PDB file of N, CA and C in Angstrom:
ATOM      1  N   MET A   1      10.581   1.278   7.036  1.00  0.00           N
ATOM      2  CA  MET A   1       9.571   0.655   6.180  1.00  0.00           C
ATOM      3  C   MET A   1       8.914  -0.850   6.265  1.00  0.00           C
ATOM      4  N   LYS A   2       9.476  -1.678   6.676  1.00  0.00           N
ATOM      5  CA  LYS A   2       9.008  -3.605   6.520  1.00  0.00           C
ATOM      6  C   LYS A   2       8.101  -3.148   7.993  1.00  0.00           C
ATOM      7  N   THR A   3       7.221  -3.831   7.073  1.00  0.00           N
ATOM      8  CA  THR A   3       5.332  -4.253   8.553  1.00  0.00           C
ATOM      9  C   THR A   3       5.503  -5.147   8.681  1.00  0.00           C
ATOM     10  N   THR A   4       4.857  -5.590   9.014  1.00  0.00           N
ATOM     11  CA  THR A   4       4.754  -7.734  10.063  1.00  0.00           C
ATOM     12  C   THR A   4       2.853  -8.364  10.728  1.00  0.00           C
ATOM     13  N   ASP A   5       2.882  -8.520  10.082  1.00  0.00           N
ATOM     14  CA  ASP A   5       1.566  -8.950  10.563  1.00  0.00           C
ATOM     15  C   ASP A   5       1.207 -10.349  10.916  1.00  0.00           C
ATOM     16  N   GLN A   6       0.746 -10.378  12.052  1.00  0.00           N
ATOM     17  CA  GLN A   6       0.398 -11.926  12.891  1.00  0.00           C
ATOM     18  C   GLN A   6      -0.308 -12.542  11.727  1.00  0.00           C
ATOM     19  N   ARG A   7      -0.783 -13.797  12.053  1.00  0.00           N
ATOM     20  CA  ARG A   7      -2.049 -13.943  11.462  1.00  0.00           C
ATOM     21  C   ARG A   7      -2.573 -15.828  11.593  1.00  0.00           C
ATOM     22  N   PRO A   8      -3.811 -16.290  11.674  1.00  0.00           N
ATOM     23  CA  PRO A   8      -3.671 -17.337  12.626  1.00  0.00           C
ATOM     24  C   PRO A   8      -2.643 -18.694  11.540  1.00  0.00           C
ATOM     25  N   TRP A   9      -2.518 -18.576  10.770  1.00  0.00           N
ATOM     26  CA  TRP A   9      -1.770 -19.206   9.650  1.00  0.00           C
ATOM     27  C   TRP A   9      -0.153 -19.033   9.700  1.00  0.00           C
ATOM     28  N   GLY A  10      -0.036 -18.158  10.134  1.00  0.00           N
ATOM     29  CA  GLY A  10       1.585 -17.470  10.383  1.00  0.00           C
ATOM     30  C   GLY A  10       2.744 -15.793  10.196  1.00  0.00           C
ATOM     31  N   SER A  11       2.612 -15.615   9.827  1.00  0.00           N
ATOM     32  CA  SER A  11       2.333 -13.840   9.371  1.00  0.00           C
ATOM     33  C   SER A  11       2.989 -13.697   7.719  1.00  0.00           C
ATOM     34  N   TYR A  12       3.336 -11.836   7.484  1.00  0.00           N
ATOM     35  CA  TYR A  12       3.954 -11.636   6.799  1.00  0.00           C
ATOM     36  C   TYR A  12       4.492 -10.119   6.744  1.00  0.00           C
ATOM     37  N   THR A  13       5.251 -10.626   5.621  1.00  0.00           N
ATOM     38  CA  THR A  13       6.485  -9.123   6.007  1.00  0.00           C
ATOM     39  C   THR A  13       6.816  -8.247   4.867  1.00  0.00           C
ATOM     40  N   ILE A  14       5.834  -7.195   4.549  1.00  0.00           N
ATOM     41  CA  ILE A  14       6.049  -5.977   3.750  1.00  0.00           C
ATOM     42  C   ILE A  14       7.329  -5.405   3.400  1.00  0.00           C
ATOM     43  N   LEU A  15       7.941  -5.745   2.098  1.00  0.00           N
ATOM     44  CA  LEU A  15       9.474  -5.130   2.410  1.00  0.00           C
ATOM     45  C   LEU A  15       9.626  -4.086   0.999  1.00  0.00           C
ATOM     46  N   ASP A  16       8.771  -4.406   0.216  1.00  0.00           N
ATOM     47  CA  ASP A  16       8.598  -2.958  -0.566  1.00  0.00           C
ATOM     48  C   ASP A  16       7.146  -2.663  -1.016  1.00  0.00           C
ATOM     49  N   GLU A  17       6.658  -1.275  -1.559  1.00  0.00           N
ATOM     50  CA  GLU A  17       5.462  -1.214  -2.361  1.00  0.00           C
ATOM     51  C   GLU A  17       6.006  -0.149  -3.385  1.00  0.00           C
ATOM     52  N   GLY A  18       5.138  -0.038  -4.240  1.00  0.00           N
ATOM     53  CA  GLY A  18       5.580   1.240  -5.532  1.00  0.00           C
ATOM     54  C   GLY A  18       4.114   1.379  -5.691  1.00  0.00           C
ATOM     55  N   GLU A  19       3.899   2.019  -6.702  1.00  0.00           N
ATOM     56  CA  GLU A  19       3.153   2.239  -7.249  1.00  0.00           C
ATOM     57  C   GLU A  19       2.616   1.203  -8.783  1.00  0.00           C
ATOM     58  N   GLY A  20       2.098   0.028  -8.772  1.00  0.00           N
ATOM     59  CA  GLY A  20       2.085  -1.054  -9.578  1.00  0.00           C
ATOM     60  C   GLY A  20       3.124  -2.097  -9.012  1.00  0.00           C
ATOM     61  N   PHE A  21       2.892  -2.616  -7.381  1.00  0.00           N
ATOM     62  CA  PHE A  21       3.745  -3.543  -7.044  1.00  0.00           C
ATOM     63  C   PHE A  21       3.634  -3.253  -5.991  1.00  0.00           C
ATOM     64  N   LYS A  22       3.817  -4.383  -4.661  1.00  0.00           N
ATOM     65  CA  LYS A  22       3.926  -4.703  -3.062  1.00  0.00           C
ATOM     66  C   LYS A  22       4.945  -5.714  -3.695  1.00  0.00           C
ATOM     67  N   VAL A  23       5.768  -6.024  -2.460  1.00  0.00           N
ATOM     68  CA  VAL A  23       6.787  -7.296  -2.555  1.00  0.00           C
ATOM     69  C   VAL A  23       6.499  -7.583  -0.647  1.00  0.00           C
ATOM     70  N   LYS A  24       5.750  -8.785  -0.127  1.00  0.00           N
ATOM     71  CA  LYS A  24       5.926  -9.333   0.516  1.00  0.00           C
ATOM     72  C   LYS A  24       6.951 -11.143   1.448  1.00  0.00           C
ATOM     73  N   ARG A  25       6.880 -10.965   2.212  1.00  0.00           N
ATOM     74  CA  ARG A  25       7.262 -12.110   2.452  1.00  0.00           C
ATOM     75  C   ARG A  25       6.511 -12.581   3.992  1.00  0.00           C
ATOM     76  N   ILE A  26       5.922 -14.806   3.470  1.00  0.00           N
ATOM     77  CA  ILE A  26       4.944 -14.870   3.653  1.00  0.00           C
ATOM     78  C   ILE A  26       5.817 -16.102   4.555  1.00  0.00           C
ATOM     79  N   GLU A  27       5.396 -15.880   5.933  1.00  0.00           N
ATOM     80  CA  GLU A  27       5.709 -17.381   6.376  1.00  0.00           C
ATOM     81  C   GLU A  27       4.470 -17.964   6.775  1.00  0.00           C
ATOM     82  N   VAL A  28       4.024 -19.648   6.725  1.00  0.00           N
ATOM     83  CA  VAL A  28       2.644 -20.688   6.524  1.00  0.00           C
ATOM     84  C   VAL A  28       3.149 -21.720   7.790  1.00  0.00           C
ATOM     85  N   LEU A  29       2.904 -21.140   8.823  1.00  0.00           N
ATOM     86  CA  LEU A  29       3.714 -22.195   9.742  1.00  0.00           C
ATOM     87  C   LEU A  29       2.599 -23.851   9.200  1.00  0.00           C
ATOM     88  N   PRO A  30       3.402 -25.411  10.017  1.00  0.00           N
ATOM     89  CA  PRO A  30       3.360 -26.573   9.814  1.00  0.00           C
ATOM     90  C   PRO A  30       2.183 -26.448   9.647  1.00  0.00           C
ATOM     91  N   GLU A  31       1.537 -27.081   8.381  1.00  0.00           N
ATOM     92  CA  GLU A  31       0.342 -28.119   8.195  1.00  0.00           C
ATOM     93  C   GLU A  31      -1.011 -26.940   8.234  1.00  0.00           C
ATOM     94  N   LYS A  32      -1.012 -25.554   7.827  1.00  0.00           N
ATOM     95  CA  LYS A  32      -1.794 -23.970   7.817  1.00  0.00           C
ATOM     96  C   LYS A  32      -1.593 -23.999   6.605  1.00  0.00           C
ATOM     97  N   ARG A  33      -2.527 -23.942   6.214  1.00  0.00           N
ATOM     98  CA  ARG A  33      -3.264 -23.104   4.980  1.00  0.00           C
ATOM     99  C   ARG A  33      -4.318 -21.070   4.734  1.00  0.00           C
ATOM    100  N   LEU A  34      -3.572 -20.530   4.076  1.00  0.00           N
ATOM    101  CA  LEU A  34      -4.412 -19.163   3.374  1.00  0.00           C
ATOM    102  C   LEU A  34      -6.366 -19.837   3.402  1.00  0.00           C
ATOM    103  N   SER A  35      -6.985 -18.832   3.490  1.00  0.00           N
ATOM    104  CA  SER A  35      -7.774 -19.336   2.994  1.00  0.00           C
ATOM    105  C   SER A  35      -8.367 -19.035   1.113  1.00  0.00           C
ATOM    106  N   TYR A  36      -8.131 -20.278   0.700  1.00  0.00           N
ATOM    107  CA  TYR A  36      -8.534 -20.246  -1.085  1.00  0.00           C
ATOM    108  C   TYR A  36      -9.570 -19.020  -1.473  1.00  0.00           C
ATOM    109  N   GLN A  37      -8.989 -17.465  -1.531  1.00  0.00           N
ATOM    110  CA  GLN A  37      -9.503 -16.666  -2.954  1.00  0.00           C
ATOM    111  C   GLN A  37      -9.029 -16.180  -3.743  1.00  0.00           C
ATOM    112  N   LYS A  38      -9.256 -15.101  -4.665  1.00  0.00           N
ATOM    113  CA  LYS A  38      -9.234 -14.164  -5.393  1.00  0.00           C
ATOM    114  C   LYS A  38      -9.286 -12.764  -5.107  1.00  0.00           C
ATOM    115  N   HIS A  39      -9.057 -12.402  -6.439  1.00  0.00           N
ATOM    116  CA  HIS A  39      -8.404 -10.689  -5.795  1.00  0.00           C
ATOM    117  C   HIS A  39      -8.362  -9.780  -7.203  1.00  0.00           C
ATOM    118  N   ALA A  40      -9.698  -9.420  -7.611  1.00  0.00           N
ATOM    119  CA  ALA A  40     -10.546  -7.966  -9.163  1.00  0.00           C
ATOM    120  C   ALA A  40      -9.553  -7.375  -9.388  1.00  0.00           C
ATOM    121  N   ARG A  41      -8.046  -7.260  -8.737  1.00  0.00           N
ATOM    122  CA  ARG A  41      -7.801  -5.380  -9.073  1.00  0.00           C
ATOM    123  C   ARG A  41      -6.101  -6.283  -8.885  1.00  0.00           C
ATOM    124  N   ARG A  42      -5.268  -7.287  -8.676  1.00  0.00           N
ATOM    125  CA  ARG A  42      -4.008  -7.751  -8.927  1.00  0.00           C
ATOM    126  C   ARG A  42      -4.044  -9.077  -8.359  1.00  0.00           C
ATOM    127  N   SER A  43      -2.736  -9.137 -10.012  1.00  0.00           N
ATOM    128  CA  SER A  43      -1.667 -10.797  -9.942  1.00  0.00           C
ATOM    129  C   SER A  43      -0.237 -10.937  -8.753  1.00  0.00           C
ATOM    130  N   GLU A  44      -0.433 -12.002  -8.643  1.00  0.00           N
ATOM    131  CA  GLU A  44       0.153 -12.074  -7.686  1.00  0.00           C
ATOM    132  C   GLU A  44       1.069 -13.378  -7.644  1.00  0.00           C
ATOM    133  N   HIS A  45       2.289 -13.338  -7.905  1.00  0.00           N
ATOM    134  CA  HIS A  45       3.871 -13.392  -8.462  1.00  0.00           C
ATOM    135  C   HIS A  45       4.253 -15.076  -6.795  1.00  0.00           C
ATOM    136  N   TRP A  46       4.579 -15.522  -6.677  1.00  0.00           N
ATOM    137  CA  TRP A  46       4.476 -16.656  -5.746  1.00  0.00           C
ATOM    138  C   TRP A  46       6.265 -17.524  -5.773  1.00  0.00           C
ATOM    139  N   TYR A  47       7.515 -16.925  -5.337  1.00  0.00           N
ATOM    140  CA  TYR A  47       8.893 -17.546  -5.318  1.00  0.00           C
ATOM    141  C   TYR A  47       9.121 -18.383  -4.367  1.00  0.00           C
ATOM    142  N   VAL A  48       9.136 -19.223  -4.068  1.00  0.00           N
ATOM    143  CA  VAL A  48       9.205 -20.242  -2.646  1.00  0.00           C
ATOM    144  C   VAL A  48      11.073 -20.100  -1.827  1.00  0.00           C
ATOM    145  N   VAL A  49      11.197 -19.754  -1.224  1.00  0.00           N
ATOM    146  CA  VAL A  49      12.386 -19.381  -0.482  1.00  0.00           C
ATOM    147  C   VAL A  49      12.818 -20.960   0.488  1.00  0.00           C
ATOM    148  N   ARG A  50      12.188 -21.274   1.233  1.00  0.00           N
ATOM    149  CA  ARG A  50      12.088 -23.068   1.841  1.00  0.00           C
ATOM    150  C   ARG A  50      10.731 -23.190   2.178  1.00  0.00           C
ATOM    151  N   GLY A  51      11.373 -24.355   1.529  1.00  0.00           N
ATOM    152  CA  GLY A  51       9.306 -25.416   2.359  1.00  0.00           C
ATOM    153  C   GLY A  51       9.236 -26.202   1.218  1.00  0.00           C
ATOM    154  N   GLN A  52       8.120 -26.860   1.282  1.00  0.00           N
ATOM    155  CA  GLN A  52       8.119 -26.913  -0.563  1.00  0.00           C
ATOM    156  C   GLN A  52       5.683 -25.958  -0.007  1.00  0.00           C
ATOM    157  N   ALA A  53       5.631 -25.379  -1.223  1.00  0.00           N
ATOM    158  CA  ALA A  53       4.038 -25.448  -0.763  1.00  0.00           C
ATOM    159  C   ALA A  53       3.310 -25.704  -2.040  1.00  0.00           C
ATOM    160  N   LYS A  54       1.859 -26.418  -0.960  1.00  0.00           N
ATOM    161  CA  LYS A  54       0.783 -26.576  -2.012  1.00  0.00           C
ATOM    162  C   LYS A  54      -0.068 -25.258  -1.863  1.00  0.00           C
ATOM    163  N   VAL A  55      -0.069 -25.476  -3.568  1.00  0.00           N
ATOM    164  CA  VAL A  55      -0.770 -24.261  -4.016  1.00  0.00           C
ATOM    165  C   VAL A  55      -2.074 -25.010  -5.220  1.00  0.00           C
ATOM    166  N   THR A  56      -3.742 -24.673  -4.756  1.00  0.00           N
ATOM    167  CA  THR A  56      -4.218 -24.992  -5.082  1.00  0.00           C
ATOM    168  C   THR A  56      -5.128 -23.653  -6.035  1.00  0.00           C
ATOM    169  N   LEU A  57      -5.288 -23.791  -7.510  1.00  0.00           N
ATOM    170  CA  LEU A  57      -5.440 -22.665  -8.487  1.00  0.00           C
ATOM    171  C   LEU A  57      -6.302 -23.348  -9.473  1.00  0.00           C
ATOM    172  N   ASN A  58      -7.189 -22.395  -9.420  1.00  0.00           N
ATOM    173  CA  ASN A  58      -8.317 -22.977  -9.937  1.00  0.00           C
ATOM    174  C   ASN A  58      -8.720 -24.401  -9.666  1.00  0.00           C
ATOM    175  N   GLY A  59      -8.723 -24.986  -8.487  1.00  0.00           N
ATOM    176  CA  GLY A  59      -9.366 -25.954  -8.388  1.00  0.00           C
ATOM    177  C   GLY A  59      -8.230 -27.197  -8.449  1.00  0.00           C
ATOM    178  N   ALA A  60      -6.746 -27.342  -8.952  1.00  0.00           N
ATOM    179  CA  ALA A  60      -6.134 -28.272  -9.274  1.00  0.00           C
ATOM    180  C   ALA A  60      -4.976 -27.584  -8.561  1.00  0.00           C
ATOM    181  N   GLU A  61      -4.412 -28.695  -7.803  1.00  0.00           N
ATOM    182  CA  GLU A  61      -2.812 -28.417  -6.773  1.00  0.00           C
ATOM    183  C   GLU A  61      -2.052 -29.166  -7.855  1.00  0.00           C
ATOM    184  N   ILE A  62      -0.941 -28.151  -7.474  1.00  0.00           N
ATOM    185  CA  ILE A  62       0.301 -27.906  -7.774  1.00  0.00           C
ATOM    186  C   ILE A  62       1.326 -27.991  -6.255  1.00  0.00           C
ATOM    187  N   LEU A  63       2.532 -28.483  -6.398  1.00  0.00           N
ATOM    188  CA  LEU A  63       3.338 -28.994  -5.122  1.00  0.00           C
ATOM    189  C   LEU A  63       5.017 -27.839  -6.027  1.00  0.00           C
ATOM    190  N   VAL A  64       5.165 -26.910  -5.250  1.00  0.00           N
ATOM    191  CA  VAL A  64       5.422 -25.789  -5.639  1.00  0.00           C
ATOM    192  C   VAL A  64       7.355 -26.120  -4.925  1.00  0.00           C
ATOM    193  N   PRO A  65       8.216 -27.042  -4.684  1.00  0.00           N
ATOM    194  CA  PRO A  65       9.023 -26.726  -4.149  1.00  0.00           C
ATOM    195  C   PRO A  65      10.353 -25.691  -3.995  1.00  0.00           C
ATOM    196  N   ALA A  66      11.176 -25.680  -3.320  1.00  0.00           N
ATOM    197  CA  ALA A  66      12.332 -24.216  -2.994  1.00  0.00           C
ATOM    198  C   ALA A  66      12.858 -24.197  -4.397  1.00  0.00           C
ATOM    199  N   GLY A  67      12.793 -22.479  -4.593  1.00  0.00           N
ATOM    200  CA  GLY A  67      13.985 -22.511  -5.853  1.00  0.00           C
ATOM    201  C   GLY A  67      12.884 -22.819  -7.454  1.00  0.00           C
ATOM    202  N   GLN A  68      11.511 -22.671  -7.239  1.00  0.00           N
ATOM    203  CA  GLN A  68      10.436 -22.833  -7.751  1.00  0.00           C
ATOM    204  C   GLN A  68       9.157 -21.509  -7.904  1.00  0.00           C
ATOM    205  N   ALA A  69       8.731 -21.114  -8.500  1.00  0.00           N
ATOM    206  CA  ALA A  69       7.350 -21.019  -8.664  1.00  0.00           C
ATOM    207  C   ALA A  69       5.975 -20.565  -8.664  1.00  0.00           C
ATOM    208  N   VAL A  70       5.236 -20.230  -8.838  1.00  0.00           N
ATOM    209  CA  VAL A  70       4.056 -20.037  -9.831  1.00  0.00           C
ATOM    210  C   VAL A  70       3.495 -18.675  -9.661  1.00  0.00           C
ATOM    211  N   ASP A  71       2.979 -18.430 -10.713  1.00  0.00           N
ATOM    212  CA  ASP A  71       2.105 -17.533 -10.851  1.00  0.00           C
ATOM    213  C   ASP A  71       0.424 -17.507 -11.290  1.00  0.00           C
ATOM    214  N   ILE A  72      -0.035 -16.360 -10.073  1.00  0.00           N
ATOM    215  CA  ILE A  72      -1.998 -16.074  -9.674  1.00  0.00           C
ATOM    216  C   ILE A  72      -2.055 -15.223 -10.488  1.00  0.00           C
ATOM    217  N   PRO A  73      -2.871 -14.920 -11.933  1.00  0.00           N
ATOM    218  CA  PRO A  73      -3.678 -14.167 -12.623  1.00  0.00           C
ATOM    219  C   PRO A  73      -4.455 -13.820 -12.040  1.00  0.00           C
ATOM    220  N   VAL A  74      -4.795 -11.990 -12.227  1.00  0.00           N
ATOM    221  CA  VAL A  74      -5.730 -11.901 -11.543  1.00  0.00           C
ATOM    222  C   VAL A  74      -7.413 -12.536 -11.970  1.00  0.00           C
ATOM    223  N   GLY A  75      -8.307 -12.366 -10.933  1.00  0.00           N
ATOM    224  CA  GLY A  75      -9.607 -13.217 -11.268  1.00  0.00           C
ATOM    225  C   GLY A  75      -9.250 -14.932 -10.688  1.00  0.00           C
ATOM    226  N   ALA A  76      -7.723 -15.348 -10.527  1.00  0.00           N
ATOM    227  CA  ALA A  76      -8.133 -16.617 -10.762  1.00  0.00           C
ATOM    228  C   ALA A  76      -7.976 -17.436  -8.411  1.00  0.00           C
ATOM    229  N   ALA A  77      -9.139 -17.951  -8.299  1.00  0.00           N
ATOM    230  CA  ALA A  77      -9.134 -18.817  -6.971  1.00  0.00           C
ATOM    231  C   ALA A  77      -7.786 -19.575  -7.157  1.00  0.00           C
ATOM    232  N   HIS A  78      -7.052 -19.190  -5.722  1.00  0.00           N
ATOM    233  CA  HIS A  78      -6.245 -19.525  -5.799  1.00  0.00           C
ATOM    234  C   HIS A  78      -5.735 -19.843  -3.686  1.00  0.00           C
ATOM    235  N   ARG A  79      -5.291 -20.787  -3.403  1.00  0.00           N
ATOM    236  CA  ARG A  79      -4.574 -20.892  -2.167  1.00  0.00           C
ATOM    237  C   ARG A  79      -3.294 -21.698  -1.985  1.00  0.00           C
ATOM    238  N   VAL A  80      -2.591 -21.200  -0.712  1.00  0.00           N
ATOM    239  CA  VAL A  80      -0.939 -21.769  -0.785  1.00  0.00           C
ATOM    240  C   VAL A  80      -1.506 -22.709   1.157  1.00  0.00           C
ATOM    241  N   GLU A  81      -0.660 -23.180   1.000  1.00  0.00           N
ATOM    242  CA  GLU A  81      -0.436 -24.759   1.439  1.00  0.00           C
ATOM    243  C   GLU A  81       0.809 -25.000   2.430  1.00  0.00           C
ATOM    244  N   ASN A  82       0.870 -25.687   3.234  1.00  0.00           N
ATOM    245  CA  ASN A  82       2.522 -25.378   4.108  1.00  0.00           C
ATOM    246  C   ASN A  82       1.905 -27.176   3.952  1.00  0.00           C
ATOM    247  N   PRO A  83       2.251 -28.684   3.466  1.00  0.00           N
ATOM    248  CA  PRO A  83       1.865 -29.921   3.765  1.00  0.00           C
ATOM    249  C   PRO A  83       2.856 -30.699   4.330  1.00  0.00           C
ATOM    250  N   THR A  84       3.545 -29.744   5.119  1.00  0.00           N
ATOM    251  CA  THR A  84       4.805 -29.656   5.852  1.00  0.00           C
ATOM    252  C   THR A  84       5.465 -29.794   7.331  1.00  0.00           C
ATOM    253  N   ASP A  85       5.951 -30.406   8.073  1.00  0.00           N
ATOM    254  CA  ASP A  85       6.580 -30.325   9.535  1.00  0.00           C
ATOM    255  C   ASP A  85       6.974 -29.140   9.519  1.00  0.00           C
ATOM    256  N   ASP A  86       8.181 -28.539   7.703  1.00  0.00           N
ATOM    257  CA  ASP A  86       8.798 -27.494   7.562  1.00  0.00           C
ATOM    258  C   ASP A  86       7.836 -26.327   7.856  1.00  0.00           C
ATOM    259  N   LEU A  87       8.957 -25.359   9.113  1.00  0.00           N
ATOM    260  CA  LEU A  87       8.474 -23.620   8.234  1.00  0.00           C
ATOM    261  C   LEU A  87       8.317 -23.235   5.916  1.00  0.00           C
ATOM    262  N   LEU A  88       7.109 -22.641   5.739  1.00  0.00           N
ATOM    263  CA  LEU A  88       6.991 -22.677   4.299  1.00  0.00           C
ATOM    264  C   LEU A  88       6.879 -20.858   4.921  1.00  0.00           C
ATOM    265  N   VAL A  89       8.131 -20.765   3.829  1.00  0.00           N
ATOM    266  CA  VAL A  89       8.388 -19.429   3.021  1.00  0.00           C
ATOM    267  C   VAL A  89       8.578 -19.121   1.726  1.00  0.00           C
ATOM    268  N   PHE A  90       7.340 -17.772   1.146  1.00  0.00           N
ATOM    269  CA  PHE A  90       7.874 -17.752  -0.305  1.00  0.00           C
ATOM    270  C   PHE A  90       7.250 -16.113   0.245  1.00  0.00           C
ATOM    271  N   ILE A  91       8.294 -15.967  -1.126  1.00  0.00           N
ATOM    272  CA  ILE A  91       7.378 -14.117  -1.488  1.00  0.00           C
ATOM    273  C   ILE A  91       6.742 -13.731  -2.656  1.00  0.00           C
ATOM    274  N   GLU A  92       6.010 -13.321  -2.134  1.00  0.00           N
ATOM    275  CA  GLU A  92       4.777 -12.823  -2.852  1.00  0.00           C
ATOM    276  C   GLU A  92       5.120 -11.363  -3.814  1.00  0.00           C
ATOM    277  N   THR A  93       5.120 -11.279  -4.800  1.00  0.00           N
ATOM    278  CA  THR A  93       4.864  -9.746  -5.934  1.00  0.00           C
ATOM    279  C   THR A  93       4.096 -10.273  -6.419  1.00  0.00           C
ATOM    280  N   GLN A  94       3.149  -8.693  -6.142  1.00  0.00           N
ATOM    281  CA  GLN A  94       1.735  -8.161  -6.144  1.00  0.00           C
ATOM    282  C   GLN A  94       3.005  -7.343  -7.427  1.00  0.00           C
ATOM    283  N   THR A  95       1.816  -7.653  -8.604  1.00  0.00           N
ATOM    284  CA  THR A  95       1.219  -5.758  -9.404  1.00  0.00           C
ATOM    285  C   THR A  95       0.128  -5.780  -9.792  1.00  0.00           C
ATOM    286  N   GLY A  96      -0.352  -5.053  -9.823  1.00  0.00           N
ATOM    287  CA  GLY A  96      -1.514  -4.762 -10.562  1.00  0.00           C
ATOM    288  C   GLY A  96      -1.807  -3.060  -9.800  1.00  0.00           C
ATOM    289  N   ASP A  97      -3.502  -2.865  -9.791  1.00  0.00           N
ATOM    290  CA  ASP A  97      -3.788  -0.813  -9.618  1.00  0.00           C
ATOM    291  C   ASP A  97      -4.304  -0.502  -8.352  1.00  0.00           C
ATOM    292  N   TYR A  98      -4.219  -1.708  -7.022  1.00  0.00           N
ATOM    293  CA  TYR A  98      -4.562  -2.229  -5.894  1.00  0.00           C
ATOM    294  C   TYR A  98      -4.794  -2.924  -4.692  1.00  0.00           C
ATOM    295  N   PHE A  99      -3.792  -2.427  -3.990  1.00  0.00           N
ATOM    296  CA  PHE A  99      -3.167  -3.812  -3.211  1.00  0.00           C
ATOM    297  C   PHE A  99      -3.846  -3.917  -1.606  1.00  0.00           C
ATOM    298  N   GLY A 100      -5.283  -3.298  -1.591  1.00  0.00           N
ATOM    299  CA  GLY A 100      -5.770  -2.647  -0.024  1.00  0.00           C
ATOM    300  C   GLY A 100      -6.145  -4.647   0.048  1.00  0.00           C
ATOM    301  N   GLU A 101      -6.461  -5.290   1.681  1.00  0.00           N
ATOM    302  CA  GLU A 101      -7.423  -6.182   2.242  1.00  0.00           C
ATOM    303  C   GLU A 101      -8.455  -6.247   1.101  1.00  0.00           C
ATOM    304  N   ASP A 102      -9.061  -5.310   1.237  1.00  0.00           N
ATOM    305  CA  ASP A 102     -10.724  -5.468   0.832  1.00  0.00           C
ATOM    306  C   ASP A 102     -11.033  -6.101  -1.292  1.00  0.00           C
ATOM    307  N   ASP A 103      -9.868  -6.131  -1.412  1.00  0.00           N
ATOM    308  CA  ASP A 103      -9.656  -6.535  -2.855  1.00  0.00           C
ATOM    309  C   ASP A 103      -9.746  -8.839  -2.673  1.00  0.00           C
ATOM    310  N   ILE A 104      -9.340  -8.860  -1.855  1.00  0.00           N
ATOM    311  CA  ILE A 104      -9.914 -10.427  -1.543  1.00  0.00           C
ATOM    312  C   ILE A 104     -11.226 -10.711  -1.167  1.00  0.00           C
ATOM    313  N   VAL A 105     -12.063 -11.669  -1.727  1.00  0.00           N
ATOM    314  CA  VAL A 105     -12.799 -12.341  -1.588  1.00  0.00           C
ATOM    315  C   VAL A 105     -12.324 -13.769  -1.518  1.00  0.00           C
ATOM    316  N   ARG A 106     -12.964 -13.794  -0.303  1.00  0.00           N
ATOM    317  CA  ARG A 106     -13.119 -15.666   0.453  1.00  0.00           C
ATOM    318  C   ARG A 106     -13.516 -16.136   0.112  1.00  0.00           C
ATOM    319  N   ILE A 107     -13.158 -17.237  -0.323  1.00  0.00           N
ATOM    320  CA  ILE A 107     -14.307 -18.282  -1.303  1.00  0.00           C
ATOM    321  C   ILE A 107     -14.481 -19.575   0.283  1.00  0.00           C
ATOM    322  N   GLU A 108     -13.344 -20.135   0.519  1.00  0.00           N
ATOM    323  CA  GLU A 108     -13.347 -20.749   1.971  1.00  0.00           C
ATOM    324  C   GLU A 108     -12.182 -20.425   2.204  1.00  0.00           C
ATOM    325  N   ASP A 109     -12.258 -20.126   4.076  1.00  0.00           N
ATOM    326  CA  ASP A 109     -10.860 -20.374   4.650  1.00  0.00           C
ATOM    327  C   ASP A 109     -11.336 -21.489   6.296  1.00  0.00           C
ATOM    328  N   ASP A 110     -10.428 -21.786   6.746  1.00  0.00           N
ATOM    329  CA  ASP A 110     -10.569 -22.578   8.359  1.00  0.00           C
ATOM    330  C   ASP A 110     -10.010 -22.060   9.005  1.00  0.00           C
ATOM    331  N   PHE A 111     -10.579 -20.253   9.104  1.00  0.00           N
ATOM    332  CA  PHE A 111     -10.805 -19.177  10.646  1.00  0.00           C
ATOM    333  C   PHE A 111     -11.711 -18.645  10.040  1.00  0.00           C
ATOM    334  N   GLY A 112     -12.742 -18.671   9.830  1.00  0.00           N
ATOM    335  CA  GLY A 112     -14.269 -18.454   9.867  1.00  0.00           C
ATOM    336  C   GLY A 112     -13.930 -16.566   9.472  1.00  0.00           C
ATOM    337  N   ARG A 113     -13.915 -16.638   8.432  1.00  0.00           N
ATOM    338  CA  ARG A 113     -13.403 -15.705   7.941  1.00  0.00           C
ATOM    339  C   ARG A 113     -14.366 -15.285   6.200  1.00  0.00           C
ATOM    340  N   ALA A 114     -14.175 -16.548   5.404  1.00  0.00           N
ATOM    341  CA  ALA A 114     -14.850 -16.409   4.173  1.00  0.00           C
ATOM    342  C   ALA A 114     -16.169 -15.915   3.910  1.00  0.00           C
ATOM    343  N   GLY A 115     -16.649 -14.635   3.017  1.00  0.00           N
ATOM    344  CA  GLY A 115     -18.383 -14.473   2.845  1.00  0.00           C
ATOM    345  C   GLY A 115     -18.436 -13.018   3.034  1.00  0.00           C
TER     346      GLY A 115
END
């Protein structure tokens, strides 16, 4: 079941999925960040297990250390960044009715994928 996908910012592994949910283990390399994005059909819950996440949620920045979590509502603009020299690892639980990559609207992206 485990599927790992390499990305320019790190990688993600799908741990489990079923009707109405998907669970991923996401690793973000030091000094890298994912695109600033939003989703129309899913919310996300991020639980940091290693390192510290810098989360941007609707323009506000939040530092989330290991052992803490943040919720991303449907439609909220969000980004996660690893501001440290250590690997960031968090567990992402998605809930909703659709989890395809085409439900990602990229607002900004360091790797030329916005728009």
